[in-house]
């Protein structure tokens, strides 16, 4: 199994928490799951920037920790809370885009260009007509 893109220590630093026991194990597993999910969106032969993959893995893990049930809203007694994000493990469109390579196959693919016209041989007739003459 491939290593996760981020460690529990990376998560702790960014979330400003210290984890122990079952909670630490849970974050470790979520980091593994987030990394596996991310690998499904990375094209073969491409290696994204390690800082980017670490940041995305932590963001995905923080989302699932914050809202693991996928709630949009919850009410307990008179207390009501609307959650801004879906729960569960998922990548946003922006995160998926960050895992893709820049299109370097043709650096001028989206650039303007000029086509030069040259004088060449006159228009050729239909080759089929030429073949009939030979028969």
N, C-alpha and C. Protein backbone atom coordinates (compact mmCIF):
# COMPACT_ATOMS: atom_id res chain seq x y z
N UNK A 1 0.84 -1.18 0.00
CA UNK A 1 0.00 0.00 0.00
C UNK A 1 0.89 1.25 0.00
N UNK A 2 0.53 2.21 -0.81
CA UNK A 2 1.31 3.44 -0.91
C UNK A 2 1.11 4.30 0.34
N UNK A 3 2.12 5.06 0.64
CA UNK A 3 2.05 5.94 1.82
C UNK A 3 1.07 7.08 1.57
N UNK A 4 0.49 7.56 2.64
CA UNK A 4 -0.43 8.70 2.55
C UNK A 4 0.36 9.94 2.16
N UNK A 5 -0.32 10.88 1.53
CA UNK A 5 0.32 12.13 1.12
C UNK A 5 0.62 13.04 2.31
N UNK A 6 0.00 12.78 3.46
CA UNK A 6 0.23 13.61 4.65
C UNK A 6 0.27 12.69 5.86
N UNK A 7 0.93 13.16 6.90
CA UNK A 7 1.02 12.40 8.15
C UNK A 7 0.07 12.97 9.18
N UNK A 8 -0.12 12.22 10.25
CA UNK A 8 -0.94 12.71 11.36
C UNK A 8 -0.31 13.97 11.94
N UNK A 9 1.01 14.02 11.98
CA UNK A 9 1.70 15.20 12.49
C UNK A 9 1.41 16.43 11.62
N UNK A 10 1.37 16.23 10.30
CA UNK A 10 1.00 17.33 9.39
C UNK A 10 -0.40 17.83 9.72
N UNK A 11 -1.30 16.89 9.94
CA UNK A 11 -2.69 17.24 10.27
C UNK A 11 -2.75 18.02 11.58
N UNK A 12 -2.04 17.52 12.59
CA UNK A 12 -2.05 18.17 13.91
C UNK A 12 -1.56 19.62 13.82
N UNK A 13 -0.50 19.85 13.05
CA UNK A 13 0.04 21.20 12.91
C UNK A 13 -0.98 22.14 12.26
N UNK A 14 -1.64 21.67 11.24
CA UNK A 14 -2.56 22.53 10.52
C UNK A 14 -3.91 22.70 11.22
N UNK A 15 -4.31 21.70 11.97
CA UNK A 15 -5.58 21.78 12.70
C UNK A 15 -5.38 22.32 14.12
N UNK A 16 -4.15 22.53 14.52
CA UNK A 16 -3.82 23.01 15.87
C UNK A 16 -4.44 22.13 16.95
N UNK A 17 -4.22 20.81 16.79
CA UNK A 17 -4.72 19.84 17.77
C UNK A 17 -3.62 18.84 18.08
N UNK A 18 -3.78 18.15 19.19
CA UNK A 18 -2.92 17.03 19.54
C UNK A 18 -3.83 15.82 19.64
N UNK A 19 -3.53 14.80 18.86
CA UNK A 19 -4.40 13.62 18.80
C UNK A 19 -3.76 12.45 19.53
N UNK A 20 -4.60 11.62 20.10
CA UNK A 20 -4.13 10.42 20.79
C UNK A 20 -5.18 9.33 20.63
N UNK A 21 -4.74 8.10 20.78
CA UNK A 21 -5.65 6.96 20.82
C UNK A 21 -6.47 6.78 19.56
N UNK A 22 -7.76 6.52 19.76
CA UNK A 22 -8.66 6.21 18.65
C UNK A 22 -8.80 7.38 17.67
N UNK A 23 -8.79 8.60 18.17
CA UNK A 23 -8.92 9.77 17.29
C UNK A 23 -7.70 9.88 16.37
N UNK A 24 -6.52 9.60 16.90
CA UNK A 24 -5.29 9.63 16.09
C UNK A 24 -5.36 8.55 15.01
N UNK A 25 -5.79 7.35 15.39
CA UNK A 25 -5.94 6.26 14.44
C UNK A 25 -6.94 6.62 13.34
N UNK A 26 -8.04 7.26 13.74
CA UNK A 26 -9.07 7.65 12.79
C UNK A 26 -8.51 8.64 11.76
N UNK A 27 -7.78 9.64 12.21
CA UNK A 27 -7.20 10.63 11.30
C UNK A 27 -6.20 9.95 10.37
N UNK A 28 -5.42 9.03 10.89
CA UNK A 28 -4.45 8.31 10.05
C UNK A 28 -5.15 7.54 8.94
N UNK A 29 -6.25 6.87 9.28
CA UNK A 29 -7.00 6.12 8.28
C UNK A 29 -7.64 7.06 7.26
N UNK A 30 -8.18 8.18 7.71
CA UNK A 30 -8.77 9.15 6.79
C UNK A 30 -7.73 9.73 5.85
N UNK A 31 -6.52 9.96 6.34
CA UNK A 31 -5.45 10.45 5.48
C UNK A 31 -5.10 9.41 4.41
N UNK A 32 -5.09 8.14 4.81
CA UNK A 32 -4.86 7.06 3.84
C UNK A 32 -5.99 7.02 2.80
N UNK A 33 -7.24 7.13 3.28
CA UNK A 33 -8.39 7.10 2.38
C UNK A 33 -8.38 8.29 1.42
N UNK A 34 -8.07 9.47 1.95
CA UNK A 34 -8.01 10.67 1.11
C UNK A 34 -6.93 10.52 0.05
N UNK A 35 -5.79 9.96 0.43
CA UNK A 35 -4.69 9.75 -0.52
C UNK A 35 -5.08 8.77 -1.61
N UNK A 36 -5.77 7.69 -1.23
CA UNK A 36 -6.24 6.72 -2.23
C UNK A 36 -7.23 7.37 -3.19
N UNK A 37 -8.12 8.16 -2.66
CA UNK A 37 -9.10 8.88 -3.49
C UNK A 37 -8.38 9.82 -4.45
N UNK A 38 -7.38 10.50 -3.96
CA UNK A 38 -6.62 11.43 -4.80
C UNK A 38 -5.87 10.70 -5.90
N UNK A 39 -5.29 9.54 -5.58
CA UNK A 39 -4.54 8.78 -6.60
C UNK A 39 -5.42 8.41 -7.78
N UNK A 40 -6.71 8.24 -7.54
CA UNK A 40 -7.64 7.93 -8.62
C UNK A 40 -7.82 9.08 -9.60
N UNK A 41 -7.39 10.28 -9.22
CA UNK A 41 -7.52 11.46 -10.07
C UNK A 41 -6.19 11.96 -10.62
N UNK A 42 -5.11 11.27 -10.29
CA UNK A 42 -3.78 11.67 -10.78
C UNK A 42 -3.45 10.81 -11.99
N UNK A 43 -3.22 11.42 -13.15
CA UNK A 43 -2.91 10.64 -14.35
C UNK A 43 -1.60 9.85 -14.19
N UNK A 44 -1.55 8.70 -14.84
CA UNK A 44 -0.35 7.86 -14.79
C UNK A 44 0.85 8.65 -15.30
N UNK A 45 1.95 8.53 -14.61
CA UNK A 45 3.18 9.19 -15.01
C UNK A 45 3.32 10.62 -14.51
N UNK A 46 2.29 11.16 -13.88
CA UNK A 46 2.35 12.53 -13.36
C UNK A 46 2.57 12.49 -11.85
N UNK A 47 3.44 13.33 -11.35
CA UNK A 47 3.69 13.45 -9.92
C UNK A 47 3.41 14.89 -9.51
N UNK A 48 2.26 15.12 -8.86
CA UNK A 48 1.95 16.48 -8.41
C UNK A 48 2.93 16.94 -7.34
N UNK A 49 2.97 18.23 -7.12
CA UNK A 49 3.83 18.82 -6.10
C UNK A 49 3.47 18.23 -4.73
N UNK A 50 4.46 17.75 -3.97
CA UNK A 50 4.17 17.15 -2.66
C UNK A 50 3.46 18.10 -1.69
N UNK A 51 3.76 19.38 -1.74
CA UNK A 51 3.07 20.32 -0.86
C UNK A 51 1.59 20.41 -1.22
N UNK A 52 1.29 20.31 -2.49
CA UNK A 52 -0.11 20.35 -2.94
C UNK A 52 -0.85 19.10 -2.50
N UNK A 53 -0.25 17.93 -2.69
CA UNK A 53 -0.93 16.69 -2.30
C UNK A 53 -1.12 16.63 -0.78
N UNK A 54 -0.16 17.13 -0.04
CA UNK A 54 -0.28 17.16 1.43
C UNK A 54 -1.44 18.07 1.84
N UNK A 55 -1.51 19.25 1.25
CA UNK A 55 -2.58 20.21 1.59
C UNK A 55 -3.96 19.65 1.25
N UNK A 56 -4.08 18.99 0.10
CA UNK A 56 -5.37 18.43 -0.30
C UNK A 56 -5.77 17.29 0.61
N UNK A 57 -4.83 16.39 0.92
CA UNK A 57 -5.13 15.26 1.81
C UNK A 57 -5.61 15.75 3.17
N UNK A 58 -4.98 16.79 3.68
CA UNK A 58 -5.39 17.33 4.98
C UNK A 58 -6.75 18.00 4.88
N UNK A 59 -7.00 18.75 3.80
CA UNK A 59 -8.29 19.41 3.63
C UNK A 59 -9.43 18.39 3.55
N UNK A 60 -9.21 17.31 2.81
CA UNK A 60 -10.23 16.26 2.69
C UNK A 60 -10.49 15.64 4.06
N UNK A 61 -9.42 15.36 4.79
CA UNK A 61 -9.54 14.74 6.12
C UNK A 61 -10.24 15.68 7.10
N UNK A 62 -9.89 16.95 7.06
CA UNK A 62 -10.55 17.90 7.96
C UNK A 62 -12.05 18.00 7.67
N UNK A 63 -12.42 17.93 6.40
CA UNK A 63 -13.85 17.97 6.04
C UNK A 63 -14.59 16.78 6.62
N UNK A 64 -14.01 15.61 6.49
CA UNK A 64 -14.71 14.41 6.96
C UNK A 64 -14.75 14.37 8.49
N UNK A 65 -13.72 14.89 9.15
CA UNK A 65 -13.73 14.95 10.61
C UNK A 65 -14.79 15.95 11.08
N UNK A 66 -14.86 17.09 10.41
CA UNK A 66 -15.80 18.14 10.81
C UNK A 66 -17.25 17.75 10.56
N UNK A 67 -17.48 16.97 9.51
CA UNK A 67 -18.86 16.63 9.14
C UNK A 67 -18.90 15.23 8.54
N UNK A 68 -18.54 14.26 9.34
CA UNK A 68 -18.48 12.88 8.87
C UNK A 68 -19.81 12.30 8.44
N UNK A 69 -20.89 12.81 8.99
CA UNK A 69 -22.21 12.29 8.61
C UNK A 69 -22.78 12.88 7.35
N UNK A 70 -22.14 13.90 6.82
CA UNK A 70 -22.62 14.51 5.58
C UNK A 70 -23.84 15.38 5.77
N UNK A 71 -24.01 15.94 6.95
CA UNK A 71 -25.18 16.75 7.23
C UNK A 71 -25.08 18.12 6.59
N UNK A 72 -26.22 18.63 6.17
CA UNK A 72 -26.30 20.01 5.70
C UNK A 72 -26.87 20.90 6.80
N UNK A 73 -27.69 20.30 7.63
CA UNK A 73 -28.28 21.05 8.74
C UNK A 73 -28.63 20.06 9.84
N UNK A 74 -28.52 20.53 11.09
CA UNK A 74 -28.92 19.69 12.20
C UNK A 74 -29.55 20.57 13.28
N UNK A 75 -30.48 19.98 13.97
CA UNK A 75 -31.18 20.70 15.03
C UNK A 75 -31.22 19.81 16.27
N UNK A 76 -30.84 20.39 17.39
CA UNK A 76 -30.92 19.70 18.68
C UNK A 76 -31.67 20.64 19.61
N UNK A 77 -32.89 20.26 19.93
CA UNK A 77 -33.73 21.15 20.75
C UNK A 77 -33.97 22.45 20.01
N UNK A 78 -33.64 23.55 20.66
CA UNK A 78 -33.82 24.85 20.03
C UNK A 78 -32.58 25.30 19.26
N UNK A 79 -31.54 24.52 19.34
CA UNK A 79 -30.28 24.85 18.66
C UNK A 79 -30.33 24.29 17.24
N UNK A 80 -30.03 25.14 16.27
CA UNK A 80 -29.99 24.71 14.87
C UNK A 80 -28.69 25.18 14.24
N UNK A 81 -28.12 24.34 13.41
CA UNK A 81 -26.85 24.65 12.77
C UNK A 81 -26.92 24.26 11.30
N UNK A 82 -26.50 25.16 10.44
CA UNK A 82 -26.41 24.87 9.01
C UNK A 82 -24.94 24.71 8.67
N UNK A 83 -24.62 23.60 8.07
CA UNK A 83 -23.23 23.29 7.73
C UNK A 83 -22.97 23.67 6.28
N UNK A 84 -21.84 24.29 6.04
CA UNK A 84 -21.54 24.81 4.72
C UNK A 84 -20.99 23.80 3.74
N UNK A 85 -20.63 22.63 4.18
CA UNK A 85 -20.01 21.67 3.28
C UNK A 85 -20.69 20.32 3.42
N UNK A 86 -20.62 19.56 2.35
CA UNK A 86 -21.06 18.17 2.42
C UNK A 86 -20.05 17.41 3.27
N UNK A 87 -20.47 16.34 3.86
CA UNK A 87 -19.54 15.53 4.64
C UNK A 87 -18.99 14.40 3.81
N UNK A 88 -18.20 13.59 4.44
CA UNK A 88 -17.64 12.44 3.76
C UNK A 88 -16.36 12.78 3.02
N UNK A 89 -15.76 11.76 2.48
CA UNK A 89 -14.53 11.93 1.72
C UNK A 89 -14.86 12.31 0.29
N UNK A 90 -14.44 13.47 -0.13
CA UNK A 90 -14.64 13.89 -1.51
C UNK A 90 -13.60 14.94 -1.87
N UNK A 91 -13.38 15.09 -3.14
CA UNK A 91 -12.49 16.12 -3.65
C UNK A 91 -13.32 17.17 -4.35
N UNK A 92 -12.97 18.41 -4.15
CA UNK A 92 -13.66 19.48 -4.88
C UNK A 92 -13.11 19.52 -6.31
N UNK A 93 -13.82 20.19 -7.19
CA UNK A 93 -13.35 20.33 -8.57
C UNK A 93 -12.00 21.03 -8.62
N UNK A 94 -11.80 22.02 -7.76
CA UNK A 94 -10.53 22.74 -7.71
C UNK A 94 -9.39 21.81 -7.26
N UNK A 95 -9.67 20.94 -6.29
CA UNK A 95 -8.64 20.01 -5.82
C UNK A 95 -8.28 19.01 -6.91
N UNK A 96 -9.28 18.52 -7.63
CA UNK A 96 -9.01 17.59 -8.74
C UNK A 96 -8.16 18.28 -9.79
N UNK A 97 -8.48 19.53 -10.10
CA UNK A 97 -7.72 20.29 -11.09
C UNK A 97 -6.26 20.45 -10.66
N UNK A 98 -6.02 20.63 -9.36
CA UNK A 98 -4.66 20.79 -8.87
C UNK A 98 -3.84 19.50 -8.98
N UNK A 99 -4.51 18.37 -9.09
CA UNK A 99 -3.82 17.09 -9.22
C UNK A 99 -3.47 16.76 -10.68
N UNK A 100 -3.97 17.56 -11.61
CA UNK A 100 -3.74 17.32 -13.03
C UNK A 100 -2.47 18.05 -13.48
N UNK A 101 -1.79 17.49 -14.48
CA UNK A 101 -0.58 18.16 -14.98
C UNK A 101 -0.96 19.39 -15.81
N UNK A 102 -0.05 20.33 -15.86
CA UNK A 102 -0.21 21.44 -16.79
C UNK A 102 -0.03 20.85 -18.18
N UNK A 103 -0.75 21.36 -19.15
CA UNK A 103 -0.64 20.82 -20.51
C UNK A 103 0.64 21.36 -21.14
N UNK A 104 1.70 20.59 -21.01
CA UNK A 104 2.98 21.02 -21.56
C UNK A 104 3.30 20.31 -22.86
N UNK A 105 2.35 19.55 -23.39
CA UNK A 105 2.62 18.84 -24.64
C UNK A 105 2.80 19.82 -25.79
N UNK A 106 2.06 20.91 -25.76
CA UNK A 106 2.19 21.94 -26.78
C UNK A 106 2.03 23.28 -26.10
N UNK A 107 3.13 23.91 -25.69
CA UNK A 107 3.04 25.16 -24.94
C UNK A 107 2.30 26.26 -25.69
N UNK A 108 2.23 26.17 -27.02
CA UNK A 108 1.54 27.20 -27.80
C UNK A 108 0.14 26.77 -28.23
N UNK A 109 -0.39 25.74 -27.59
CA UNK A 109 -1.68 25.21 -28.01
C UNK A 109 -2.80 26.24 -27.95
N UNK A 110 -2.72 27.15 -27.00
CA UNK A 110 -3.78 28.14 -26.89
C UNK A 110 -3.32 29.52 -27.36
N UNK A 111 -2.19 29.57 -28.06
CA UNK A 111 -1.65 30.84 -28.51
C UNK A 111 -2.15 31.15 -29.93
N UNK A 112 -2.14 32.43 -30.28
CA UNK A 112 -2.48 32.83 -31.64
C UNK A 112 -1.30 32.49 -32.55
N UNK A 113 -1.58 32.24 -33.78
CA UNK A 113 -0.51 31.91 -34.70
C UNK A 113 -0.89 32.41 -36.09
N UNK A 114 0.08 32.43 -36.99
CA UNK A 114 -0.11 32.89 -38.36
C UNK A 114 0.19 31.74 -39.29
N UNK A 115 -0.62 31.62 -40.32
CA UNK A 115 -0.40 30.61 -41.34
C UNK A 115 0.14 31.33 -42.56
N UNK A 116 1.28 30.89 -43.05
CA UNK A 116 1.89 31.51 -44.21
C UNK A 116 1.43 30.78 -45.46
N UNK A 117 0.96 31.55 -46.43
CA UNK A 117 0.54 30.96 -47.70
C UNK A 117 1.73 30.93 -48.63
N UNK A 118 1.88 29.85 -49.35
CA UNK A 118 2.99 29.72 -50.29
C UNK A 118 2.44 29.36 -51.65
N UNK A 119 3.15 29.80 -52.69
CA UNK A 119 2.77 29.39 -54.04
C UNK A 119 3.23 27.96 -54.22
N UNK A 120 2.37 27.17 -54.74
CA UNK A 120 2.73 25.78 -54.96
C UNK A 120 2.17 25.32 -56.28
N UNK A 121 2.14 24.04 -56.45
CA UNK A 121 1.60 23.53 -57.71
C UNK A 121 0.13 23.91 -57.85
N UNK A 122 -0.30 23.99 -59.08
CA UNK A 122 -1.69 24.34 -59.36
C UNK A 122 -2.60 23.27 -58.79
N UNK A 123 -3.86 23.63 -58.67
CA UNK A 123 -4.85 22.68 -58.16
C UNK A 123 -4.82 21.43 -59.01
N UNK A 124 -4.81 20.33 -58.35
CA UNK A 124 -4.79 19.08 -59.10
C UNK A 124 -6.22 18.59 -59.29
N UNK A 125 -6.43 18.04 -60.44
CA UNK A 125 -7.73 17.45 -60.72
C UNK A 125 -7.91 16.20 -59.89
N UNK A 126 -9.07 15.69 -59.93
CA UNK A 126 -9.40 14.48 -59.20
C UNK A 126 -8.47 13.36 -59.65
N UNK A 127 -7.77 12.71 -58.71
CA UNK A 127 -6.86 11.62 -59.10
C UNK A 127 -7.57 10.49 -59.83
N UNK A 128 -8.86 10.35 -59.58
CA UNK A 128 -9.60 9.29 -60.26
C UNK A 128 -9.62 9.55 -61.77
N UNK A 129 -9.70 10.83 -62.18
CA UNK A 129 -9.68 11.15 -63.61
C UNK A 129 -8.34 10.75 -64.21
N UNK A 130 -7.25 10.96 -63.52
CA UNK A 130 -5.95 10.60 -63.99
C UNK A 130 -5.83 9.10 -64.15
N UNK A 131 -6.41 8.36 -63.21
CA UNK A 131 -6.33 6.91 -63.28
C UNK A 131 -7.13 6.37 -64.45
N UNK A 132 -8.23 7.02 -64.82
CA UNK A 132 -9.04 6.58 -65.96
C UNK A 132 -8.25 6.74 -67.27
N UNK A 133 -7.43 7.78 -67.33
CA UNK A 133 -6.64 8.04 -68.54
C UNK A 133 -5.63 6.94 -68.74
N UNK A 134 -5.10 6.41 -67.60
CA UNK A 134 -4.09 5.36 -67.74
C UNK A 134 -4.70 4.05 -68.21
N UNK A 135 -5.98 3.87 -67.96
CA UNK A 135 -6.60 2.60 -68.33
C UNK A 135 -6.84 2.53 -69.76
